[in-house]
N, C-alpha and C. Protein backbone atom coordinates (compact mmCIF):
# COMPACT_ATOMS: atom_id res chain seq x y z
N MET A 1 -21.02 -2.18 -52.26
CA MET A 1 -19.67 -1.79 -52.65
C MET A 1 -19.09 -2.77 -53.67
N LEU A 2 -19.29 -4.06 -53.43
CA LEU A 2 -18.82 -5.10 -54.34
C LEU A 2 -19.50 -4.97 -55.70
N ASN A 3 -20.81 -4.78 -55.68
CA ASN A 3 -21.58 -4.64 -56.90
C ASN A 3 -21.15 -3.39 -57.68
N LYS A 4 -20.97 -2.28 -56.98
CA LYS A 4 -20.57 -1.02 -57.61
C LYS A 4 -19.20 -1.16 -58.27
N TYR A 5 -18.26 -1.81 -57.58
CA TYR A 5 -16.92 -2.02 -58.12
C TYR A 5 -17.00 -2.84 -59.41
N SER A 6 -17.76 -3.92 -59.38
CA SER A 6 -17.90 -4.79 -60.53
C SER A 6 -18.57 -4.09 -61.71
N LEU A 7 -19.64 -3.34 -61.44
CA LEU A 7 -20.34 -2.62 -62.51
C LEU A 7 -19.42 -1.63 -63.21
N ASN A 8 -18.59 -0.97 -62.44
CA ASN A 8 -17.64 -0.02 -63.01
C ASN A 8 -16.66 -0.74 -63.95
N LEU A 9 -16.19 -1.90 -63.55
CA LEU A 9 -15.28 -2.68 -64.41
C LEU A 9 -15.98 -3.14 -65.68
N LYS A 10 -17.21 -3.58 -65.54
CA LYS A 10 -17.97 -4.06 -66.71
C LYS A 10 -18.22 -2.92 -67.72
N LYS A 11 -18.45 -1.71 -67.20
CA LYS A 11 -18.63 -0.55 -68.08
C LYS A 11 -17.37 -0.28 -68.90
N GLN A 12 -16.22 -0.66 -68.33
CA GLN A 12 -14.93 -0.48 -69.01
C GLN A 12 -14.56 -1.69 -69.86
N ASN A 13 -15.50 -2.64 -69.99
CA ASN A 13 -15.29 -3.88 -70.75
C ASN A 13 -14.11 -4.70 -70.24
N LYS A 14 -13.90 -4.69 -68.95
CA LYS A 14 -12.83 -5.47 -68.33
C LYS A 14 -13.31 -6.89 -68.08
N LYS A 15 -12.45 -7.86 -68.36
CA LYS A 15 -12.73 -9.26 -68.04
C LYS A 15 -12.39 -9.47 -66.58
N ILE A 16 -13.36 -10.02 -65.84
CA ILE A 16 -13.21 -10.19 -64.39
C ILE A 16 -13.04 -11.66 -64.04
N VAL A 17 -12.03 -11.92 -63.23
CA VAL A 17 -11.81 -13.25 -62.66
C VAL A 17 -12.10 -13.15 -61.17
N LEU A 18 -12.90 -14.07 -60.67
CA LEU A 18 -13.22 -14.11 -59.25
C LEU A 18 -12.65 -15.39 -58.64
N ALA A 19 -11.95 -15.22 -57.54
CA ALA A 19 -11.48 -16.36 -56.74
C ALA A 19 -12.07 -16.19 -55.35
N HIS A 20 -12.61 -17.25 -54.80
CA HIS A 20 -13.21 -17.18 -53.47
C HIS A 20 -12.67 -18.29 -52.60
N GLY A 21 -12.47 -17.98 -51.33
CA GLY A 21 -12.01 -19.00 -50.39
C GLY A 21 -11.81 -18.42 -49.01
N THR A 22 -11.16 -19.21 -48.18
CA THR A 22 -10.85 -18.77 -46.82
C THR A 22 -9.49 -18.10 -46.79
N PHE A 23 -8.51 -18.69 -47.47
CA PHE A 23 -7.14 -18.15 -47.54
C PHE A 23 -6.61 -17.86 -46.13
N ASP A 24 -6.77 -18.84 -45.24
CA ASP A 24 -6.42 -18.63 -43.84
C ASP A 24 -4.93 -18.46 -43.62
N VAL A 25 -4.14 -19.31 -44.20
CA VAL A 25 -2.69 -19.16 -44.15
C VAL A 25 -2.24 -19.07 -45.60
N LEU A 26 -1.84 -17.90 -46.00
CA LEU A 26 -1.43 -17.68 -47.38
C LEU A 26 -0.14 -18.45 -47.65
N HIS A 27 -0.15 -19.29 -48.69
CA HIS A 27 1.02 -20.12 -48.99
C HIS A 27 1.24 -20.16 -50.50
N LEU A 28 2.32 -20.81 -50.89
CA LEU A 28 2.71 -20.87 -52.30
C LEU A 28 1.60 -21.42 -53.19
N GLY A 29 0.86 -22.39 -52.71
CA GLY A 29 -0.24 -22.92 -53.51
C GLY A 29 -1.27 -21.86 -53.84
N HIS A 30 -1.60 -21.01 -52.85
CA HIS A 30 -2.55 -19.92 -53.10
C HIS A 30 -1.99 -18.94 -54.14
N ILE A 31 -0.73 -18.59 -53.99
CA ILE A 31 -0.12 -17.62 -54.90
C ILE A 31 -0.12 -18.13 -56.33
N LYS A 32 0.28 -19.37 -56.53
CA LYS A 32 0.28 -19.94 -57.88
C LYS A 32 -1.14 -20.05 -58.43
N HIS A 33 -2.08 -20.41 -57.58
CA HIS A 33 -3.49 -20.50 -57.97
C HIS A 33 -4.01 -19.15 -58.45
N LEU A 34 -3.76 -18.11 -57.69
CA LEU A 34 -4.25 -16.78 -58.04
C LEU A 34 -3.54 -16.22 -59.28
N LYS A 35 -2.25 -16.47 -59.41
CA LYS A 35 -1.53 -16.04 -60.62
C LYS A 35 -2.09 -16.72 -61.86
N TYR A 36 -2.41 -17.99 -61.72
CA TYR A 36 -3.03 -18.73 -62.83
C TYR A 36 -4.32 -18.04 -63.25
N GLY A 37 -5.16 -17.70 -62.29
CA GLY A 37 -6.43 -17.05 -62.60
C GLY A 37 -6.28 -15.69 -63.24
N LYS A 38 -5.29 -14.94 -62.81
CA LYS A 38 -5.08 -13.58 -63.33
C LYS A 38 -4.85 -13.60 -64.84
N LYS A 39 -4.29 -14.68 -65.36
CA LYS A 39 -4.02 -14.79 -66.80
C LYS A 39 -5.29 -14.76 -67.64
N TYR A 40 -6.44 -15.04 -67.03
CA TYR A 40 -7.70 -15.12 -67.76
C TYR A 40 -8.45 -13.80 -67.87
N GLY A 41 -8.01 -12.79 -67.14
CA GLY A 41 -8.78 -11.55 -67.17
C GLY A 41 -7.95 -10.31 -66.93
N ASP A 42 -8.65 -9.20 -66.99
CA ASP A 42 -8.01 -7.90 -66.73
C ASP A 42 -7.92 -7.61 -65.24
N LYS A 43 -8.91 -8.09 -64.51
CA LYS A 43 -8.98 -7.80 -63.07
C LYS A 43 -9.22 -9.10 -62.30
N LEU A 44 -8.44 -9.28 -61.25
CA LEU A 44 -8.61 -10.42 -60.37
C LEU A 44 -9.18 -9.92 -59.04
N ILE A 45 -10.40 -10.36 -58.77
CA ILE A 45 -11.06 -10.04 -57.50
C ILE A 45 -11.03 -11.29 -56.64
N VAL A 46 -10.60 -11.13 -55.41
CA VAL A 46 -10.60 -12.24 -54.46
C VAL A 46 -11.61 -11.91 -53.37
N THR A 47 -12.49 -12.87 -53.10
CA THR A 47 -13.42 -12.71 -51.98
C THR A 47 -13.10 -13.78 -50.96
N ILE A 48 -13.20 -13.40 -49.69
CA ILE A 48 -12.90 -14.34 -48.61
C ILE A 48 -14.11 -14.48 -47.70
N THR A 49 -14.24 -15.66 -47.14
CA THR A 49 -15.33 -15.95 -46.21
C THR A 49 -15.08 -15.24 -44.89
N ALA A 50 -16.08 -14.52 -44.40
CA ALA A 50 -15.98 -13.82 -43.11
C ALA A 50 -15.76 -14.83 -41.99
N ASP A 51 -15.07 -14.40 -40.96
CA ASP A 51 -14.69 -15.26 -39.84
C ASP A 51 -15.84 -16.12 -39.32
N LYS A 52 -16.98 -15.51 -39.09
CA LYS A 52 -18.08 -16.24 -38.43
C LYS A 52 -18.64 -17.38 -39.27
N PHE A 53 -18.30 -17.44 -40.55
CA PHE A 53 -18.81 -18.50 -41.42
C PHE A 53 -17.77 -19.57 -41.72
N VAL A 54 -16.55 -19.39 -41.23
CA VAL A 54 -15.50 -20.38 -41.45
C VAL A 54 -15.73 -21.54 -40.48
N GLN A 55 -15.91 -22.72 -41.03
CA GLN A 55 -16.18 -23.90 -40.20
C GLN A 55 -15.13 -24.96 -40.47
N LYS A 56 -13.92 -24.66 -40.04
CA LYS A 56 -12.82 -25.59 -40.29
C LYS A 56 -12.23 -26.12 -38.99
N GLY A 57 -12.97 -25.99 -37.90
CA GLY A 57 -12.51 -26.53 -36.64
C GLY A 57 -12.24 -25.45 -35.60
N LYS A 58 -11.94 -25.92 -34.40
CA LYS A 58 -11.69 -25.03 -33.27
C LYS A 58 -10.48 -24.13 -33.56
N GLY A 59 -10.64 -22.86 -33.20
CA GLY A 59 -9.55 -21.91 -33.39
C GLY A 59 -9.36 -21.44 -34.82
N ARG A 60 -10.33 -21.69 -35.66
CA ARG A 60 -10.23 -21.28 -37.06
C ARG A 60 -11.31 -20.25 -37.36
N PRO A 61 -11.08 -19.32 -38.19
CA PRO A 61 -9.83 -19.20 -38.93
C PRO A 61 -8.67 -18.79 -38.01
N TYR A 62 -7.49 -19.12 -38.47
CA TYR A 62 -6.30 -18.80 -37.70
C TYR A 62 -6.05 -17.30 -37.71
N PHE A 63 -6.16 -16.71 -38.91
CA PHE A 63 -6.04 -15.27 -39.06
C PHE A 63 -7.43 -14.65 -39.24
N LYS A 64 -7.68 -13.55 -38.59
CA LYS A 64 -8.95 -12.85 -38.73
C LYS A 64 -9.12 -12.37 -40.18
N ASP A 65 -10.38 -12.19 -40.59
CA ASP A 65 -10.64 -11.83 -41.98
C ASP A 65 -9.96 -10.53 -42.41
N ILE A 66 -9.85 -9.57 -41.53
CA ILE A 66 -9.20 -8.30 -41.92
C ILE A 66 -7.72 -8.52 -42.23
N PHE A 67 -7.08 -9.46 -41.53
CA PHE A 67 -5.67 -9.77 -41.80
C PHE A 67 -5.53 -10.61 -43.06
N ARG A 68 -6.46 -11.54 -43.28
CA ARG A 68 -6.43 -12.33 -44.52
C ARG A 68 -6.62 -11.42 -45.72
N LYS A 69 -7.52 -10.46 -45.58
CA LYS A 69 -7.75 -9.49 -46.66
C LYS A 69 -6.48 -8.68 -46.93
N GLU A 70 -5.84 -8.22 -45.89
CA GLU A 70 -4.62 -7.42 -46.04
C GLU A 70 -3.50 -8.23 -46.71
N MET A 71 -3.36 -9.49 -46.32
CA MET A 71 -2.32 -10.34 -46.93
C MET A 71 -2.57 -10.48 -48.43
N LEU A 72 -3.81 -10.78 -48.81
CA LEU A 72 -4.14 -10.96 -50.22
C LEU A 72 -3.99 -9.66 -51.00
N LYS A 73 -4.42 -8.57 -50.41
CA LYS A 73 -4.37 -7.26 -51.07
C LYS A 73 -2.91 -6.84 -51.35
N SER A 74 -1.98 -7.36 -50.57
CA SER A 74 -0.57 -7.00 -50.75
C SER A 74 0.06 -7.65 -51.98
N LEU A 75 -0.63 -8.63 -52.56
CA LEU A 75 -0.12 -9.28 -53.78
C LEU A 75 -0.38 -8.38 -54.97
N LYS A 76 0.65 -8.06 -55.73
CA LYS A 76 0.52 -7.07 -56.82
C LYS A 76 -0.42 -7.51 -57.93
N PHE A 77 -0.64 -8.80 -58.10
CA PHE A 77 -1.51 -9.29 -59.17
C PHE A 77 -2.97 -9.40 -58.73
N VAL A 78 -3.26 -9.16 -57.45
CA VAL A 78 -4.64 -9.15 -56.95
C VAL A 78 -5.14 -7.70 -57.00
N ASP A 79 -6.22 -7.48 -57.72
CA ASP A 79 -6.71 -6.11 -57.91
C ASP A 79 -7.59 -5.62 -56.77
N GLU A 80 -8.40 -6.51 -56.19
CA GLU A 80 -9.27 -6.09 -55.09
C GLU A 80 -9.63 -7.31 -54.26
N VAL A 81 -9.87 -7.08 -52.97
CA VAL A 81 -10.26 -8.14 -52.05
C VAL A 81 -11.47 -7.65 -51.25
N PHE A 82 -12.46 -8.53 -51.13
CA PHE A 82 -13.66 -8.23 -50.36
C PHE A 82 -13.94 -9.36 -49.39
N ILE A 83 -14.48 -9.01 -48.24
CA ILE A 83 -14.92 -10.01 -47.27
C ILE A 83 -16.40 -10.27 -47.52
N VAL A 84 -16.76 -11.55 -47.66
CA VAL A 84 -18.14 -11.93 -47.93
C VAL A 84 -18.77 -12.41 -46.63
N ASN A 85 -19.85 -11.77 -46.25
CA ASN A 85 -20.54 -12.08 -45.01
C ASN A 85 -21.58 -13.18 -45.24
N HIS A 86 -21.09 -14.33 -45.70
CA HIS A 86 -21.96 -15.45 -46.02
C HIS A 86 -21.11 -16.73 -46.01
N ALA A 87 -21.76 -17.87 -45.89
CA ALA A 87 -21.05 -19.15 -45.84
C ALA A 87 -20.59 -19.64 -47.21
N SER A 88 -21.11 -19.04 -48.28
CA SER A 88 -20.69 -19.48 -49.62
C SER A 88 -20.33 -18.27 -50.48
N ALA A 89 -19.86 -18.57 -51.68
CA ALA A 89 -19.47 -17.52 -52.63
C ALA A 89 -20.66 -17.00 -53.45
N ILE A 90 -21.83 -17.59 -53.28
CA ILE A 90 -22.99 -17.22 -54.10
C ILE A 90 -23.28 -15.72 -54.10
N PRO A 91 -23.33 -15.05 -52.93
CA PRO A 91 -23.60 -13.60 -52.98
C PRO A 91 -22.53 -12.82 -53.76
N ALA A 92 -21.28 -13.25 -53.66
CA ALA A 92 -20.21 -12.58 -54.41
C ALA A 92 -20.38 -12.81 -55.91
N ILE A 93 -20.71 -14.02 -56.28
CA ILE A 93 -20.92 -14.34 -57.69
C ILE A 93 -22.08 -13.52 -58.26
N ARG A 94 -23.15 -13.41 -57.51
CA ARG A 94 -24.31 -12.61 -57.96
C ARG A 94 -23.93 -11.14 -58.13
N ALA A 95 -23.18 -10.61 -57.19
CA ALA A 95 -22.82 -9.19 -57.23
C ALA A 95 -21.80 -8.90 -58.34
N ILE A 96 -20.85 -9.79 -58.52
CA ILE A 96 -19.75 -9.54 -59.48
C ILE A 96 -20.09 -10.02 -60.88
N GLN A 97 -20.80 -11.15 -60.98
CA GLN A 97 -21.09 -11.77 -62.27
C GLN A 97 -19.81 -11.89 -63.09
N PRO A 98 -18.85 -12.66 -62.56
CA PRO A 98 -17.53 -12.74 -63.19
C PRO A 98 -17.55 -13.44 -64.54
N ASP A 99 -16.58 -13.08 -65.36
CA ASP A 99 -16.38 -13.77 -66.63
C ASP A 99 -15.79 -15.16 -66.37
N PHE A 100 -14.95 -15.23 -65.33
CA PHE A 100 -14.31 -16.48 -64.94
C PHE A 100 -14.34 -16.63 -63.42
N TYR A 101 -14.66 -17.83 -62.98
CA TYR A 101 -14.66 -18.16 -61.56
C TYR A 101 -13.58 -19.21 -61.35
N LEU A 102 -12.62 -18.90 -60.53
CA LEU A 102 -11.43 -19.73 -60.34
C LEU A 102 -11.56 -20.66 -59.16
N LYS A 103 -11.35 -21.95 -59.41
CA LYS A 103 -11.32 -22.95 -58.35
C LYS A 103 -10.11 -23.85 -58.58
N GLY A 104 -9.70 -24.54 -57.54
CA GLY A 104 -8.60 -25.49 -57.66
C GLY A 104 -9.05 -26.75 -58.36
N GLU A 105 -8.10 -27.46 -58.91
CA GLU A 105 -8.36 -28.71 -59.65
C GLU A 105 -9.15 -29.71 -58.81
N GLU A 106 -8.96 -29.69 -57.49
CA GLU A 106 -9.65 -30.64 -56.61
C GLU A 106 -11.16 -30.44 -56.60
N TYR A 107 -11.65 -29.32 -57.16
CA TYR A 107 -13.08 -29.05 -57.20
C TYR A 107 -13.71 -29.33 -58.58
N ARG A 108 -12.92 -29.85 -59.50
CA ARG A 108 -13.42 -30.09 -60.85
C ARG A 108 -14.57 -31.12 -60.87
N LYS A 109 -14.41 -32.21 -60.13
CA LYS A 109 -15.41 -33.27 -60.13
C LYS A 109 -16.47 -33.01 -59.07
N ASP A 110 -17.72 -32.90 -59.52
CA ASP A 110 -18.83 -32.66 -58.59
C ASP A 110 -18.96 -33.78 -57.56
N SER A 111 -18.54 -34.97 -57.90
CA SER A 111 -18.65 -36.11 -56.98
C SER A 111 -17.78 -35.93 -55.73
N LYS A 112 -16.75 -35.09 -55.82
CA LYS A 112 -15.88 -34.84 -54.66
C LYS A 112 -16.39 -33.68 -53.80
N ASP A 113 -17.44 -33.03 -54.25
CA ASP A 113 -18.01 -31.86 -53.55
C ASP A 113 -19.06 -32.35 -52.55
N ILE A 114 -18.62 -32.77 -51.37
CA ILE A 114 -19.55 -33.35 -50.40
C ILE A 114 -20.53 -32.33 -49.83
N THR A 115 -20.19 -31.05 -49.87
CA THR A 115 -21.09 -30.01 -49.36
C THR A 115 -22.10 -29.56 -50.40
N ASN A 116 -21.83 -29.85 -51.68
CA ASN A 116 -22.64 -29.42 -52.81
C ASN A 116 -22.57 -27.91 -53.04
N LYS A 117 -21.70 -27.22 -52.31
CA LYS A 117 -21.58 -25.77 -52.47
C LYS A 117 -20.91 -25.40 -53.79
N ILE A 118 -19.88 -26.13 -54.17
CA ILE A 118 -19.13 -25.79 -55.38
C ILE A 118 -20.03 -25.96 -56.61
N LYS A 119 -20.81 -27.03 -56.65
CA LYS A 119 -21.72 -27.23 -57.78
C LYS A 119 -22.69 -26.05 -57.90
N LYS A 120 -23.23 -25.60 -56.78
CA LYS A 120 -24.14 -24.45 -56.79
C LYS A 120 -23.43 -23.19 -57.26
N GLU A 121 -22.17 -23.03 -56.84
CA GLU A 121 -21.40 -21.86 -57.27
C GLU A 121 -21.16 -21.91 -58.78
N LYS A 122 -20.78 -23.08 -59.29
CA LYS A 122 -20.55 -23.22 -60.74
C LYS A 122 -21.83 -22.93 -61.52
N ASP A 123 -22.96 -23.42 -61.02
CA ASP A 123 -24.25 -23.15 -61.67
C ASP A 123 -24.57 -21.66 -61.66
N GLU A 124 -24.27 -21.00 -60.57
CA GLU A 124 -24.53 -19.56 -60.46
C GLU A 124 -23.67 -18.77 -61.45
N VAL A 125 -22.42 -19.14 -61.59
CA VAL A 125 -21.52 -18.49 -62.55
C VAL A 125 -22.06 -18.64 -63.96
N LYS A 126 -22.48 -19.85 -64.29
CA LYS A 126 -23.03 -20.15 -65.61
C LYS A 126 -24.27 -19.33 -65.90
N LYS A 127 -25.08 -19.10 -64.87
CA LYS A 127 -26.31 -18.32 -65.01
C LYS A 127 -26.04 -16.92 -65.56
N TYR A 128 -24.88 -16.37 -65.25
CA TYR A 128 -24.52 -15.02 -65.69
C TYR A 128 -23.60 -15.03 -66.91
N GLY A 129 -23.46 -16.18 -67.53
CA GLY A 129 -22.64 -16.28 -68.74
C GLY A 129 -21.16 -16.46 -68.48
N GLY A 130 -20.80 -16.71 -67.24
CA GLY A 130 -19.39 -16.91 -66.90
C GLY A 130 -18.98 -18.36 -67.02
N LYS A 131 -17.69 -18.58 -66.86
CA LYS A 131 -17.13 -19.92 -66.97
C LYS A 131 -16.29 -20.21 -65.74
N THR A 132 -16.41 -21.42 -65.20
CA THR A 132 -15.56 -21.84 -64.09
C THR A 132 -14.29 -22.43 -64.66
N ILE A 133 -13.16 -21.94 -64.16
CA ILE A 133 -11.86 -22.45 -64.60
C ILE A 133 -11.17 -23.10 -63.39
N PHE A 134 -10.30 -24.06 -63.68
CA PHE A 134 -9.64 -24.81 -62.62
C PHE A 134 -8.13 -24.72 -62.78
N SER A 135 -7.48 -24.26 -61.74
CA SER A 135 -6.01 -24.21 -61.78
C SER A 135 -5.49 -25.60 -61.42
N ASN A 136 -4.39 -25.97 -62.03
CA ASN A 136 -3.79 -27.26 -61.72
C ASN A 136 -2.41 -27.04 -61.11
N GLU A 137 -2.30 -26.00 -60.32
CA GLU A 137 -1.05 -25.66 -59.67
C GLU A 137 -0.82 -26.54 -58.44
N ILE A 138 0.36 -26.46 -57.88
CA ILE A 138 0.69 -27.21 -56.67
C ILE A 138 -0.32 -26.88 -55.57
N THR A 139 -0.73 -27.89 -54.85
CA THR A 139 -1.76 -27.71 -53.83
C THR A 139 -1.20 -27.96 -52.44
N PHE A 140 -1.49 -27.07 -51.55
CA PHE A 140 -1.20 -27.26 -50.13
C PHE A 140 -2.53 -27.09 -49.41
N SER A 141 -2.57 -27.43 -48.16
CA SER A 141 -3.78 -27.25 -47.38
C SER A 141 -3.46 -26.38 -46.18
N SER A 142 -4.13 -25.22 -46.08
CA SER A 142 -3.94 -24.36 -44.91
C SER A 142 -4.28 -25.13 -43.65
N SER A 143 -5.36 -25.91 -43.70
CA SER A 143 -5.77 -26.68 -42.52
C SER A 143 -4.67 -27.65 -42.11
N ASN A 144 -4.10 -28.34 -43.08
CA ASN A 144 -3.03 -29.28 -42.79
C ASN A 144 -1.81 -28.57 -42.21
N LEU A 145 -1.45 -27.44 -42.78
CA LEU A 145 -0.31 -26.68 -42.27
C LEU A 145 -0.56 -26.22 -40.84
N ILE A 146 -1.74 -25.69 -40.58
CA ILE A 146 -2.07 -25.20 -39.24
C ILE A 146 -2.09 -26.35 -38.24
N ASN A 147 -2.77 -27.43 -38.61
CA ASN A 147 -2.91 -28.56 -37.69
C ASN A 147 -1.58 -29.23 -37.36
N ASN A 148 -0.66 -29.22 -38.32
CA ASN A 148 0.60 -29.95 -38.11
C ASN A 148 1.79 -29.09 -37.70
N TYR A 149 1.74 -27.78 -37.98
CA TYR A 149 2.94 -26.98 -37.75
C TYR A 149 2.74 -25.72 -36.92
N PHE A 150 1.54 -25.31 -36.65
CA PHE A 150 1.32 -24.01 -36.04
C PHE A 150 0.97 -24.05 -34.56
N ASP A 151 1.16 -25.17 -33.92
CA ASP A 151 0.78 -25.25 -32.52
C ASP A 151 1.88 -24.81 -31.57
N ASN A 152 2.97 -24.28 -32.09
CA ASN A 152 4.09 -23.91 -31.23
C ASN A 152 4.12 -22.42 -30.89
N PHE A 153 3.06 -21.67 -31.18
CA PHE A 153 3.02 -20.26 -30.84
C PHE A 153 2.54 -20.06 -29.41
N SER A 154 2.99 -18.99 -28.81
CA SER A 154 2.55 -18.66 -27.46
C SER A 154 1.07 -18.29 -27.45
N LYS A 155 0.45 -18.38 -26.29
CA LYS A 155 -0.96 -18.05 -26.15
C LYS A 155 -1.20 -16.59 -26.55
N GLU A 156 -0.29 -15.69 -26.17
CA GLU A 156 -0.44 -14.26 -26.50
C GLU A 156 -0.43 -14.04 -28.00
N LEU A 157 0.51 -14.71 -28.69
CA LEU A 157 0.59 -14.55 -30.15
C LEU A 157 -0.64 -15.15 -30.83
N LYS A 158 -1.10 -16.30 -30.35
CA LYS A 158 -2.29 -16.92 -30.92
C LYS A 158 -3.50 -15.99 -30.78
N GLU A 159 -3.65 -15.34 -29.65
CA GLU A 159 -4.78 -14.43 -29.46
C GLU A 159 -4.68 -13.23 -30.38
N LYS A 160 -3.46 -12.77 -30.63
CA LYS A 160 -3.27 -11.61 -31.49
C LYS A 160 -3.63 -11.93 -32.93
N ILE A 161 -3.18 -13.09 -33.41
CA ILE A 161 -3.45 -13.44 -34.80
C ILE A 161 -4.80 -14.10 -34.93
C-alpha cells in the first residue's frame, strides 16, 4: 500500500517529503518540524513506528499506533500517514524513495547517533537520490513530557490510551 501510494505520486512528478518517528505525544515541536518539512515538497508522508517496535521504556508507547496515526492524519499539512511494522524507517524509505527525508537538527551529527540507525537511514535515502533535511525548529521530547507530566491519569484512562 505504501509503495503503491508513492509510485502514484512519482508518476505525477510530485516531490515527496518523508518524516518518520514515534510521535507518541503530539506536541508543538512535532507540528513545527512537520510544517518545516512540508515546505520542501508537494506531499508530506509521515510514517510511524508500530507499537511493538517502540523501545522507549515501560508503558510506551503512551498512545497506540492507530491513535498516533489518527492524530497526525488530522493535521491539514500532512498528506498521508502509515504505520511501519519495523524497528527502523528503512522499509519506508525503500518503499517511498522520498525526495527529502526529514529529521530533527539533533540527528545532523552522526556522532550523536548511538544506535547508528539514523546514519543507515540517511545512506538509504541517498541510495535513491534523495536528500536528508534537518529542521531547526523548537524541540520538545515526548519521553520527557510523559515521564514528568503524565503520571497523574487514572488507571482506567491509562489503559484506554
